[in-house]
């Protein structure tokens, strides 16, 4: 009997190794849990196009929206652990949502980290009709409203929502949140003057700031962006303690063979090291991942540390969706 079990184990091990050696033999899908045209979608498409070269197969992006990104992440979790479905997400989808939604999956136990991707400081932007020209004036204007000003978000627990709550806590303002299926449609409404502000990902808003269709006040980083040196940090603008970076990452379903995870990591790192890709991402206002943080373990460590940091803050703010 022991010999039979040993033989079966050897067959299964050999079969798994063969699959890993043959991987990939068909197109790979990256599930982006937000609308097309938004910052997550833009980053994923830049990386997907470049990753197809080392992988030798097309890498396509599928947008699965809703519930602050939790539906798209759930789709990835339920996919076979064969390396053909990648979950793209960030601080909101793979950290905050665990404290906001009653998920049917575990963000750590049911996913395998692949790579830590470039990060996005947030940026405070408003419609042009807001009379304020500095962050101090904006806060005064927000406080002076007879009813709470409207702030666009990508849904409850999204990065823009968490950043808005954080902004409220350090400034003493009160906002009325308007949820969208992504910050791309929220930005469209900001440009049209339908909402007042967004605490947005810099990569989503920076082009419109440069075009003059919306107004920027501050970024939530400790230093100014090289791609937008004229925009002060929140601390420089007089608001201390408002520091937040929305990092992104790629995961695969738990149980994906380590050899396949290693191939996906190598393809992503190859893309991130490409000068043309780096330029595209930096032009979007993204901060590149340090080279010593590109192994899968770095993403796993960051995710767990951020869960420990943000879940108490989110729960204290009573952000909850059934």
C-alpha atoms as a PDB file:
ATOM      1  CA  UNK A   1       0.000   0.000   0.000  1.00  0.00           C
ATOM      2  CA  UNK A   2       2.819   2.388   0.900  1.00  0.00           C
ATOM      3  CA  UNK A   3       4.477   1.640  -2.406  1.00  0.00           C
ATOM      4  CA  UNK A   4       1.242   2.419  -4.260  1.00  0.00           C
ATOM      5  CA  UNK A   5       0.857   5.757  -2.475  1.00  0.00           C
ATOM      6  CA  UNK A   6       4.466   6.602  -3.180  1.00  0.00           C
ATOM      7  CA  UNK A   7       3.989   5.801  -6.853  1.00  0.00           C
ATOM      8  CA  UNK A   8       0.833   7.944  -7.014  1.00  0.00           C
ATOM      9  CA  UNK A   9       2.615  10.843  -5.302  1.00  0.00           C
ATOM     10  CA  UNK A  10       5.488  10.561  -7.757  1.00  0.00           C
ATOM     11  CA  UNK A  11       3.071  10.630 -10.710  1.00  0.00           C
ATOM     12  CA  UNK A  12       1.243  13.691  -9.356  1.00  0.00           C
ATOM     13  CA  UNK A  13       4.516  15.471  -8.632  1.00  0.00           C
ATOM     14  CA  UNK A  14       5.835  14.708 -12.105  1.00  0.00           C
ATOM     15  CA  UNK A  15       2.563  15.856 -13.684  1.00  0.00           C
ATOM     16  CA  UNK A  16       2.671  19.148 -11.744  1.00  0.00           C
ATOM     17  CA  UNK A  17       6.294  19.703 -12.714  1.00  0.00           C
ATOM     18  CA  UNK A  18       5.464  18.997 -16.339  1.00  0.00           C
ATOM     19  CA  UNK A  19       2.695  21.577 -16.264  1.00  0.00           C
ATOM     20  CA  UNK A  20       5.059  24.119 -14.760  1.00  0.00           C
ATOM     21  CA  UNK A  21       7.715  23.353 -17.392  1.00  0.00           C
ATOM     22  CA  UNK A  22       5.139  23.758 -20.160  1.00  0.00           C
ATOM     23  CA  UNK A  23       3.768  27.003 -18.696  1.00  0.00           C
ATOM     24  CA  UNK A  24       2.444  29.121 -20.260  1.00  0.00           C
ATOM     25  CA  UNK A  25       0.911  27.360 -23.239  1.00  0.00           C
ATOM     26  CA  UNK A  26      -2.077  29.709 -23.688  1.00  0.00           C
ATOM     27  CA  UNK A  27      -3.068  33.338 -22.956  1.00  0.00           C
ATOM     28  CA  UNK A  28      -2.946  34.662 -19.388  1.00  0.00           C
ATOM     29  CA  UNK A  29      -5.643  36.921 -17.928  1.00  0.00           C
ATOM     30  CA  UNK A  30      -5.052  39.746 -15.457  1.00  0.00           C
ATOM     31  CA  UNK A  31      -8.282  40.575 -13.620  1.00  0.00           C
ATOM     32  CA  UNK A  32      -8.436  44.291 -12.815  1.00  0.00           C
ATOM     33  CA  UNK A  33     -11.271  44.880 -10.326  1.00  0.00           C
ATOM     34  CA  UNK A  34     -12.035  48.413 -11.519  1.00  0.00           C
ATOM     35  CA  UNK A  35     -13.355  50.128 -14.624  1.00  0.00           C
ATOM     36  CA  UNK A  36     -11.345  50.470 -17.824  1.00  0.00           C
ATOM     37  CA  UNK A  37      -9.461  53.741 -18.100  1.00  0.00           C
ATOM     38  CA  UNK A  38      -8.710  54.088 -14.392  1.00  0.00           C
ATOM     39  CA  UNK A  39      -5.279  54.048 -12.742  1.00  0.00           C
ATOM     40  CA  UNK A  40      -5.258  50.320 -11.967  1.00  0.00           C
ATOM     41  CA  UNK A  41      -6.354  49.496 -15.495  1.00  0.00           C
ATOM     42  CA  UNK A  42      -3.710  51.793 -17.000  1.00  0.00           C
ATOM     43  CA  UNK A  43      -0.864  50.236 -15.003  1.00  0.00           C
ATOM     44  CA  UNK A  44      -2.041  46.688 -15.681  1.00  0.00           C
ATOM     45  CA  UNK A  45      -2.215  47.268 -19.439  1.00  0.00           C
ATOM     46  CA  UNK A  46       1.285  48.735 -19.590  1.00  0.00           C
ATOM     47  CA  UNK A  47       2.670  45.724 -17.712  1.00  0.00           C
ATOM     48  CA  UNK A  48       0.559  43.156 -19.575  1.00  0.00           C
ATOM     49  CA  UNK A  49       1.833  44.344 -22.949  1.00  0.00           C
ATOM     50  CA  UNK A  50       5.462  44.020 -21.846  1.00  0.00           C
ATOM     51  CA  UNK A  51       5.048  40.734 -19.928  1.00  0.00           C
ATOM     52  CA  UNK A  52       3.948  38.903 -23.058  1.00  0.00           C
ATOM     53  CA  UNK A  53       7.530  39.042 -24.368  1.00  0.00           C
ATOM     54  CA  UNK A  54       9.231  36.914 -21.677  1.00  0.00           C
ATOM     55  CA  UNK A  55       6.150  34.707 -21.239  1.00  0.00           C
ATOM     56  CA  UNK A  56       5.702  34.053 -24.951  1.00  0.00           C
ATOM     57  CA  UNK A  57       1.910  34.288 -24.694  1.00  0.00           C
ATOM     58  CA  UNK A  58      -0.657  37.116 -24.848  1.00  0.00           C
ATOM     59  CA  UNK A  59      -1.480  38.697 -21.480  1.00  0.00           C
ATOM     60  CA  UNK A  60      -4.965  40.189 -21.543  1.00  0.00           C
ATOM     61  CA  UNK A  61      -6.721  42.481 -19.079  1.00  0.00           C
ATOM     62  CA  UNK A  62     -10.285  41.755 -17.961  1.00  0.00           C
ATOM     63  CA  UNK A  63     -12.163  44.420 -15.999  1.00  0.00           C
ATOM     64  CA  UNK A  64     -14.485  42.913 -13.365  1.00  0.00           C
ATOM     65  CA  UNK A  65     -16.024  45.785 -11.411  1.00  0.00           C
ATOM     66  CA  UNK A  66     -18.178  46.259  -8.346  1.00  0.00           C
ATOM     67  CA  UNK A  67     -18.159  46.291  -4.540  1.00  0.00           C
ATOM     68  CA  UNK A  68     -14.909  48.224  -4.172  1.00  0.00           C
ATOM     69  CA  UNK A  69     -13.055  45.653  -6.242  1.00  0.00           C
ATOM     70  CA  UNK A  70     -14.079  42.674  -4.106  1.00  0.00           C
ATOM     71  CA  UNK A  71     -16.017  41.011  -6.945  1.00  0.00           C
ATOM     72  CA  UNK A  72     -13.014  41.002  -9.259  1.00  0.00           C
ATOM     73  CA  UNK A  73     -10.700  39.669  -6.552  1.00  0.00           C
ATOM     74  CA  UNK A  74     -13.250  36.956  -5.780  1.00  0.00           C
ATOM     75  CA  UNK A  75     -13.290  35.906  -9.428  1.00  0.00           C
ATOM     76  CA  UNK A  76      -9.520  35.452  -9.327  1.00  0.00           C
ATOM     77  CA  UNK A  77      -9.610  33.545  -6.021  1.00  0.00           C
ATOM     78  CA  UNK A  78     -12.102  31.072  -7.490  1.00  0.00           C
ATOM     79  CA  UNK A  79      -9.989  30.459 -10.606  1.00  0.00           C
ATOM     80  CA  UNK A  80      -7.863  27.312 -11.010  1.00  0.00           C
ATOM     81  CA  UNK A  81      -4.391  27.652  -9.420  1.00  0.00           C
ATOM     82  CA  UNK A  82      -2.615  27.169 -12.725  1.00  0.00           C
ATOM     83  CA  UNK A  83      -1.085  30.604 -13.350  1.00  0.00           C
ATOM     84  CA  UNK A  84      -3.512  31.602 -16.092  1.00  0.00           C
ATOM     85  CA  UNK A  85      -5.461  34.038 -13.897  1.00  0.00           C
ATOM     86  CA  UNK A  86      -3.720  36.901 -12.088  1.00  0.00           C
ATOM     87  CA  UNK A  87      -5.384  39.138  -9.507  1.00  0.00           C
ATOM     88  CA  UNK A  88      -4.328  42.775  -9.849  1.00  0.00           C
ATOM     89  CA  UNK A  89      -5.100  45.018  -6.902  1.00  0.00           C
ATOM     90  CA  UNK A  90      -3.883  47.429  -4.273  1.00  0.00           C
ATOM     91  CA  UNK A  91      -4.197  48.615  -0.697  1.00  0.00           C
ATOM     92  CA  UNK A  92      -7.960  48.940  -1.098  1.00  0.00           C
ATOM     93  CA  UNK A  93      -8.761  45.606  -2.723  1.00  0.00           C
ATOM     94  CA  UNK A  94      -6.250  43.358  -0.969  1.00  0.00           C
ATOM     95  CA  UNK A  95      -6.147  44.983   2.475  1.00  0.00           C
ATOM     96  CA  UNK A  96      -9.044  47.353   3.265  1.00  0.00           C
ATOM     97  CA  UNK A  97     -11.801  45.218   1.771  1.00  0.00           C
ATOM     98  CA  UNK A  98     -11.165  42.563   4.410  1.00  0.00           C
ATOM     99  CA  UNK A  99     -12.287  45.047   7.073  1.00  0.00           C
ATOM    100  CA  UNK A 100     -15.163  46.494   5.020  1.00  0.00           C
ATOM    101  CA  UNK A 101     -16.912  43.574   3.309  1.00  0.00           C
ATOM    102  CA  UNK A 102     -18.057  40.138   4.458  1.00  0.00           C
ATOM    103  CA  UNK A 103     -15.830  38.392   1.963  1.00  0.00           C
ATOM    104  CA  UNK A 104     -16.238  34.745   1.034  1.00  0.00           C
ATOM    105  CA  UNK A 105     -12.473  34.429   0.775  1.00  0.00           C
ATOM    106  CA  UNK A 106      -9.401  35.245   2.850  1.00  0.00           C
ATOM    107  CA  UNK A 107      -7.153  37.896   1.323  1.00  0.00           C
ATOM    108  CA  UNK A 108      -4.003  36.246   2.701  1.00  0.00           C
ATOM    109  CA  UNK A 109      -4.817  32.551   2.952  1.00  0.00           C
ATOM    110  CA  UNK A 110      -6.487  32.244  -0.466  1.00  0.00           C
ATOM    111  CA  UNK A 111      -3.951  34.154  -2.539  1.00  0.00           C
ATOM    112  CA  UNK A 112      -0.274  33.731  -3.392  1.00  0.00           C
ATOM    113  CA  UNK A 113       1.779  36.939  -3.801  1.00  0.00           C
ATOM    114  CA  UNK A 114       3.618  37.438  -7.095  1.00  0.00           C
ATOM    115  CA  UNK A 115       5.121  40.938  -7.141  1.00  0.00           C
ATOM    116  CA  UNK A 116       4.886  44.329  -5.443  1.00  0.00           C
ATOM    117  CA  UNK A 117       4.144  46.939  -8.095  1.00  0.00           C
ATOM    118  CA  UNK A 118       4.695  50.728  -8.294  1.00  0.00           C
ATOM    119  CA  UNK A 119       2.863  52.884  -5.790  1.00  0.00           C
ATOM    120  CA  UNK A 120       0.662  55.920  -6.035  1.00  0.00           C
ATOM    121  CA  UNK A 121       0.634  58.762  -3.551  1.00  0.00           C
ATOM    122  CA  UNK A 122      -2.844  60.226  -3.335  1.00  0.00           C
ATOM    123  CA  UNK A 123      -3.644  63.738  -4.498  1.00  0.00           C
ATOM    124  CA  UNK A 124      -6.360  66.117  -3.291  1.00  0.00           C
ATOM    125  CA  UNK A 125      -8.185  67.560  -6.316  1.00  0.00           C
ATOM    126  CA  UNK A 126     -11.356  69.578  -6.801  1.00  0.00           C
ATOM    127  CA  UNK A 127     -13.582  70.815  -9.573  1.00  0.00           C
ATOM    128  CA  UNK A 128     -12.473  74.160 -10.974  1.00  0.00           C
ATOM    129  CA  UNK A 129     -15.549  75.911  -9.615  1.00  0.00           C
ATOM    130  CA  UNK A 130     -14.218  75.569  -6.054  1.00  0.00           C
ATOM    131  CA  UNK A 131     -12.793  79.032  -5.204  1.00  0.00           C
ATOM    132  CA  UNK A 132      -9.899  77.737  -3.064  1.00  0.00           C
ATOM    133  CA  UNK A 133      -6.357  77.975  -4.438  1.00  0.00           C
ATOM    134  CA  UNK A 134      -4.474  76.290  -1.566  1.00  0.00           C
ATOM    135  CA  UNK A 135      -5.074  73.284   0.680  1.00  0.00           C
ATOM    136  CA  UNK A 136      -5.698  75.582   3.651  1.00  0.00           C
ATOM    137  CA  UNK A 137      -8.324  77.515   1.681  1.00  0.00           C
ATOM    138  CA  UNK A 138      -9.883  74.260   0.441  1.00  0.00           C
ATOM    139  CA  UNK A 139     -10.305  72.946   3.992  1.00  0.00           C
ATOM    140  CA  UNK A 140     -11.867  76.239   5.054  1.00  0.00           C
ATOM    141  CA  UNK A 141     -14.231  76.092   2.069  1.00  0.00           C
ATOM    142  CA  UNK A 142     -15.180  72.481   2.817  1.00  0.00           C
ATOM    143  CA  UNK A 143     -15.914  73.338   6.439  1.00  0.00           C
ATOM    144  CA  UNK A 144     -18.026  76.346   5.462  1.00  0.00           C
ATOM    145  CA  UNK A 145     -20.563  74.356   3.407  1.00  0.00           C
ATOM    146  CA  UNK A 146     -24.083  74.149   4.821  1.00  0.00           C
ATOM    147  CA  UNK A 147     -24.215  70.473   3.777  1.00  0.00           C
ATOM    148  CA  UNK A 148     -21.297  68.017   3.457  1.00  0.00           C
ATOM    149  CA  UNK A 149     -19.369  68.490   0.177  1.00  0.00           C
ATOM    150  CA  UNK A 150     -19.410  65.551  -2.207  1.00  0.00           C
ATOM    151  CA  UNK A 151     -16.353  63.338  -2.656  1.00  0.00           C
ATOM    152  CA  UNK A 152     -16.078  60.728  -5.389  1.00  0.00           C
ATOM    153  CA  UNK A 153     -14.794  57.240  -4.562  1.00  0.00           C
ATOM    154  CA  UNK A 154     -14.357  53.877  -6.283  1.00  0.00           C
ATOM    155  CA  UNK A 155     -16.715  52.352  -3.702  1.00  0.00           C
ATOM    156  CA  UNK A 156     -16.723  51.601  -0.002  1.00  0.00           C
ATOM    157  CA  UNK A 157     -13.268  50.591   1.197  1.00  0.00           C
ATOM    158  CA  UNK A 158     -11.532  51.651  -2.004  1.00  0.00           C
ATOM    159  CA  UNK A 159      -8.282  53.597  -1.869  1.00  0.00           C
ATOM    160  CA  UNK A 160     -10.088  56.843  -2.629  1.00  0.00           C
ATOM    161  CA  UNK A 161     -12.621  56.140   0.135  1.00  0.00           C
ATOM    162  CA  UNK A 162      -9.970  55.292   2.740  1.00  0.00           C
ATOM    163  CA  UNK A 163      -7.980  58.372   1.731  1.00  0.00           C
ATOM    164  CA  UNK A 164     -11.119  60.491   2.087  1.00  0.00           C
ATOM    165  CA  UNK A 165     -11.790  59.140   5.571  1.00  0.00           C
ATOM    166  CA  UNK A 166      -8.153  59.756   6.475  1.00  0.00           C
ATOM    167  CA  UNK A 167      -8.462  63.319   5.116  1.00  0.00           C
ATOM    168  CA  UNK A 168     -11.553  63.869   7.282  1.00  0.00           C
ATOM    169  CA  UNK A 169      -9.781  62.619  10.415  1.00  0.00           C
ATOM    170  CA  UNK A 170      -6.712  64.855  10.079  1.00  0.00           C
ATOM    171  CA  UNK A 171      -8.512  68.002   8.850  1.00  0.00           C
ATOM    172  CA  UNK A 172     -11.771  67.955  10.798  1.00  0.00           C
ATOM    173  CA  UNK A 173     -13.962  68.139   7.685  1.00  0.00           C
ATOM    174  CA  UNK A 174     -17.044  66.057   6.880  1.00  0.00           C
ATOM    175  CA  UNK A 175     -17.656  64.627   3.401  1.00  0.00           C
ATOM    176  CA  UNK A 176     -20.557  62.966   1.610  1.00  0.00           C
ATOM    177  CA  UNK A 177     -19.184  60.063  -0.418  1.00  0.00           C
ATOM    178  CA  UNK A 178     -20.429  59.286  -3.914  1.00  0.00           C
ATOM    179  CA  UNK A 179     -19.430  55.747  -4.996  1.00  0.00           C
ATOM    180  CA  UNK A 180     -18.519  54.874  -8.589  1.00  0.00           C
ATOM    181  CA  UNK A 181     -17.292  51.679 -10.273  1.00  0.00           C
ATOM    182  CA  UNK A 182     -13.825  53.181 -10.424  1.00  0.00           C
ATOM    183  CA  UNK A 183     -12.079  56.516 -10.091  1.00  0.00           C
ATOM    184  CA  UNK A 184     -12.066  57.009 -13.877  1.00  0.00           C
ATOM    185  CA  UNK A 185     -15.851  57.667 -13.974  1.00  0.00           C
ATOM    186  CA  UNK A 186     -15.565  59.643 -10.725  1.00  0.00           C
ATOM    187  CA  UNK A 187     -12.942  61.843 -12.358  1.00  0.00           C
ATOM    188  CA  UNK A 188     -15.224  62.436 -15.343  1.00  0.00           C
ATOM    189  CA  UNK A 189     -17.902  63.755 -12.979  1.00  0.00           C
ATOM    190  CA  UNK A 190     -15.359  65.940 -11.175  1.00  0.00           C
ATOM    191  CA  UNK A 191     -14.328  67.506 -14.480  1.00  0.00           C
ATOM    192  CA  UNK A 192     -18.017  68.070 -15.278  1.00  0.00           C
ATOM    193  CA  UNK A 193     -18.532  69.714 -11.873  1.00  0.00           C
ATOM    194  CA  UNK A 194     -20.989  67.060 -10.628  1.00  0.00           C
ATOM    195  CA  UNK A 195     -18.968  66.381  -7.458  1.00  0.00           C
ATOM    196  CA  UNK A 196     -16.714  68.645  -5.404  1.00  0.00           C
ATOM    197  CA  UNK A 197     -13.512  66.735  -4.688  1.00  0.00           C
ATOM    198  CA  UNK A 198     -11.658  63.429  -4.919  1.00  0.00           C
ATOM    199  CA  UNK A 199      -8.722  62.254  -2.852  1.00  0.00           C
ATOM    200  CA  UNK A 200      -7.500  60.381  -5.882  1.00  0.00           C
ATOM    201  CA  UNK A 201      -4.592  58.312  -7.078  1.00  0.00           C
ATOM    202  CA  UNK A 202      -2.089  60.709  -8.593  1.00  0.00           C
ATOM    203  CA  UNK A 203      -1.788  58.647 -11.777  1.00  0.00           C
ATOM    204  CA  UNK A 204      -5.525  58.992 -12.368  1.00  0.00           C
ATOM    205  CA  UNK A 205      -5.720  62.780 -11.972  1.00  0.00           C
ATOM    206  CA  UNK A 206      -2.349  64.180 -12.977  1.00  0.00           C
ATOM    207  CA  UNK A 207      -3.114  64.483 -16.712  1.00  0.00           C
ATOM    208  CA  UNK A 208      -6.275  66.480 -15.985  1.00  0.00           C
ATOM    209  CA  UNK A 209      -4.401  68.647 -13.477  1.00  0.00           C
ATOM    210  CA  UNK A 210      -1.831  69.418 -16.184  1.00  0.00           C
ATOM    211  CA  UNK A 211      -4.635  70.139 -18.657  1.00  0.00           C
ATOM    212  CA  UNK A 212      -6.241  72.590 -16.233  1.00  0.00           C
ATOM    213  CA  UNK A 213      -9.615  70.813 -16.097  1.00  0.00           C
ATOM    214  CA  UNK A 214      -9.370  70.235 -12.321  1.00  0.00           C
ATOM    215  CA  UNK A 215      -7.359  71.848  -9.509  1.00  0.00           C
ATOM    216  CA  UNK A 216      -4.714  70.104  -7.362  1.00  0.00           C
ATOM    217  CA  UNK A 217      -3.858  71.098  -3.788  1.00  0.00           C
ATOM    218  CA  UNK A 218      -1.448  68.561  -2.298  1.00  0.00           C
ATOM    219  CA  UNK A 219      -0.066  65.040  -2.553  1.00  0.00           C
ATOM    220  CA  UNK A 220       0.028  62.607   0.367  1.00  0.00           C
ATOM    221  CA  UNK A 221       3.713  61.712   0.104  1.00  0.00           C
ATOM    222  CA  UNK A 222       6.690  62.796   2.191  1.00  0.00           C
ATOM    223  CA  UNK A 223       8.301  64.404  -0.852  1.00  0.00           C
ATOM    224  CA  UNK A 224       7.153  66.122  -4.032  1.00  0.00           C
ATOM    225  CA  UNK A 225       6.762  64.118  -7.211  1.00  0.00           C
ATOM    226  CA  UNK A 226       9.438  64.555  -9.850  1.00  0.00           C
ATOM    227  CA  UNK A 227       6.663  64.419 -12.451  1.00  0.00           C
ATOM    228  CA  UNK A 228       4.715  67.230 -10.707  1.00  0.00           C
ATOM    229  CA  UNK A 229       7.229  69.286  -8.689  1.00  0.00           C
ATOM    230  CA  UNK A 230       4.892  72.291  -8.433  1.00  0.00           C
ATOM    231  CA  UNK A 231       2.351  70.411  -6.276  1.00  0.00           C
ATOM    232  CA  UNK A 232       3.254  70.609  -2.560  1.00  0.00           C
ATOM    233  CA  UNK A 233       3.053  67.751  -0.102  1.00  0.00           C
ATOM    234  CA  UNK A 234       0.199  67.897   2.410  1.00  0.00           C
ATOM    235  CA  UNK A 235       2.676  68.744   5.164  1.00  0.00           C
ATOM    236  CA  UNK A 236       4.177  71.563   3.100  1.00  0.00           C
ATOM    237  CA  UNK A 237       0.630  72.821   2.530  1.00  0.00           C
ATOM    238  CA  UNK A 238       0.014  72.942   6.270  1.00  0.00           C
ATOM    239  CA  UNK A 239      -1.720  69.603   6.963  1.00  0.00           C
ATOM    240  CA  UNK A 240       0.471  67.360   9.101  1.00  0.00           C
ATOM    241  CA  UNK A 241      -0.060  63.618   9.377  1.00  0.00           C
ATOM    242  CA  UNK A 242      -1.747  63.170   5.999  1.00  0.00           C
ATOM    243  CA  UNK A 243       0.636  60.645   4.463  1.00  0.00           C
ATOM    244  CA  UNK A 244      -0.636  57.702   2.419  1.00  0.00           C
ATOM    245  CA  UNK A 245       0.693  55.635  -0.471  1.00  0.00           C
ATOM    246  CA  UNK A 246      -1.524  53.347  -2.514  1.00  0.00           C
ATOM    247  CA  UNK A 247       0.763  50.468  -3.489  1.00  0.00           C
ATOM    248  CA  UNK A 248      -0.324  47.818  -5.998  1.00  0.00           C
ATOM    249  CA  UNK A 249       0.498  44.169  -6.554  1.00  0.00           C
ATOM    250  CA  UNK A 250      -0.224  40.946  -8.403  1.00  0.00           C
ATOM    251  CA  UNK A 251      -1.434  37.712  -6.812  1.00  0.00           C
ATOM    252  CA  UNK A 252      -2.485  34.254  -8.034  1.00  0.00           C
ATOM    253  CA  UNK A 253      -4.826  31.701  -6.420  1.00  0.00           C
ATOM    254  CA  UNK A 254      -3.370  29.752  -3.514  1.00  0.00           C
ATOM    255  CA  UNK A 255      -1.885  26.461  -4.612  1.00  0.00           C
ATOM    256  CA  UNK A 256      -0.341  27.789  -7.814  1.00  0.00           C
ATOM    257  CA  UNK A 257       2.984  25.920  -8.302  1.00  0.00           C
ATOM    258  CA  UNK A 258       6.007  27.865  -7.060  1.00  0.00           C
ATOM    259  CA  UNK A 259       7.712  27.443 -10.433  1.00  0.00           C
ATOM    260  CA  UNK A 260       4.820  29.235 -12.118  1.00  0.00           C
ATOM    261  CA  UNK A 261       4.814  32.006  -9.502  1.00  0.00           C
ATOM    262  CA  UNK A 262       8.545  32.419 -10.171  1.00  0.00           C
ATOM    263  CA  UNK A 263       7.956  32.701 -13.943  1.00  0.00           C
ATOM    264  CA  UNK A 264       5.261  35.344 -13.454  1.00  0.00           C
ATOM    265  CA  UNK A 265       7.444  37.261 -11.021  1.00  0.00           C
ATOM    266  CA  UNK A 266      10.376  37.172 -13.461  1.00  0.00           C
ATOM    267  CA  UNK A 267       8.155  38.449 -16.299  1.00  0.00           C
ATOM    268  CA  UNK A 268       6.793  41.298 -14.154  1.00  0.00           C
ATOM    269  CA  UNK A 269      10.273  42.278 -12.923  1.00  0.00           C
ATOM    270  CA  UNK A 270      11.539  42.182 -16.511  1.00  0.00           C
ATOM    271  CA  UNK A 271       8.739  44.576 -17.477  1.00  0.00           C
ATOM    272  CA  UNK A 272       9.408  46.910 -14.534  1.00  0.00           C
ATOM    273  CA  UNK A 273      13.099  47.067 -15.445  1.00  0.00           C
ATOM    274  CA  UNK A 274      12.361  48.054 -19.042  1.00  0.00           C
ATOM    275  CA  UNK A 275      13.296  51.753 -19.471  1.00  0.00           C
ATOM    276  CA  UNK A 276      10.294  52.411 -21.738  1.00  0.00           C
ATOM    277  CA  UNK A 277       7.891  50.884 -19.204  1.00  0.00           C
ATOM    278  CA  UNK A 278       9.500  52.786 -16.325  1.00  0.00           C
ATOM    279  CA  UNK A 279       9.094  56.041 -18.235  1.00  0.00           C
ATOM    280  CA  UNK A 280       5.410  55.331 -18.933  1.00  0.00           C
ATOM    281  CA  UNK A 281       4.693  54.553 -15.297  1.00  0.00           C
ATOM    282  CA  UNK A 282       6.723  57.458 -13.923  1.00  0.00           C
ATOM    283  CA  UNK A 283       4.904  59.835 -16.289  1.00  0.00           C
ATOM    284  CA  UNK A 284       1.677  58.660 -14.637  1.00  0.00           C
ATOM    285  CA  UNK A 285       3.032  59.857 -11.283  1.00  0.00           C
ATOM    286  CA  UNK A 286       3.892  56.369 -10.032  1.00  0.00           C
ATOM    287  CA  UNK A 287       6.812  55.596  -7.758  1.00  0.00           C
ATOM    288  CA  UNK A 288       8.781  52.536  -8.864  1.00  0.00           C
ATOM    289  CA  UNK A 289       9.254  49.597  -6.503  1.00  0.00           C
ATOM    290  CA  UNK A 290      12.766  49.411  -4.986  1.00  0.00           C
ATOM    291  CA  UNK A 291      14.747  46.619  -6.611  1.00  0.00           C
ATOM    292  CA  UNK A 292      15.186  44.795  -3.301  1.00  0.00           C
ATOM    293  CA  UNK A 293      11.385  44.623  -2.876  1.00  0.00           C
ATOM    294  CA  UNK A 294      10.511  42.775  -6.089  1.00  0.00           C
ATOM    295  CA  UNK A 295      10.464  39.181  -4.760  1.00  0.00           C
ATOM    296  CA  UNK A 296       7.021  37.645  -4.014  1.00  0.00           C
ATOM    297  CA  UNK A 297       7.821  37.573  -0.301  1.00  0.00           C
ATOM    298  CA  UNK A 298       8.081  41.375  -0.215  1.00  0.00           C
ATOM    299  CA  UNK A 299       4.473  41.724  -1.362  1.00  0.00           C
ATOM    300  CA  UNK A 300       3.301  39.190   1.219  1.00  0.00           C
ATOM    301  CA  UNK A 301       5.120  41.051   3.990  1.00  0.00           C
ATOM    302  CA  UNK A 302       3.731  44.430   2.883  1.00  0.00           C
ATOM    303  CA  UNK A 303       0.173  43.116   2.674  1.00  0.00           C
ATOM    304  CA  UNK A 304       0.244  41.654   6.201  1.00  0.00           C
ATOM    305  CA  UNK A 305       1.816  44.791   7.664  1.00  0.00           C
ATOM    306  CA  UNK A 306      -0.800  47.010   6.017  1.00  0.00           C
ATOM    307  CA  UNK A 307      -3.632  44.815   7.305  1.00  0.00           C
ATOM    308  CA  UNK A 308      -2.269  45.300  10.826  1.00  0.00           C
ATOM    309  CA  UNK A 309      -2.093  49.079  10.262  1.00  0.00           C
ATOM    310  CA  UNK A 310      -5.320  49.839   8.401  1.00  0.00           C
ATOM    311  CA  UNK A 311      -7.933  47.417   9.719  1.00  0.00           C
ATOM    312  CA  UNK A 312      -8.136  49.148  13.147  1.00  0.00           C
ATOM    313  CA  UNK A 313      -8.438  52.560  11.438  1.00  0.00           C
ATOM    314  CA  UNK A 314     -11.168  51.349   9.078  1.00  0.00           C
ATOM    315  CA  UNK A 315     -13.122  49.625  11.823  1.00  0.00           C
ATOM    316  CA  UNK A 316     -12.867  52.716  14.047  1.00  0.00           C
ATOM    317  CA  UNK A 317     -14.348  54.753  11.192  1.00  0.00           C
ATOM    318  CA  UNK A 318     -17.201  52.202  10.979  1.00  0.00           C
ATOM    319  CA  UNK A 319     -16.785  51.657   7.225  1.00  0.00           C
ATOM    320  CA  UNK A 320     -18.910  48.564   6.750  1.00  0.00           C
ATOM    321  CA  UNK A 321     -20.749  46.983   3.810  1.00  0.00           C
ATOM    322  CA  UNK A 322     -22.633  43.696   4.044  1.00  0.00           C
END
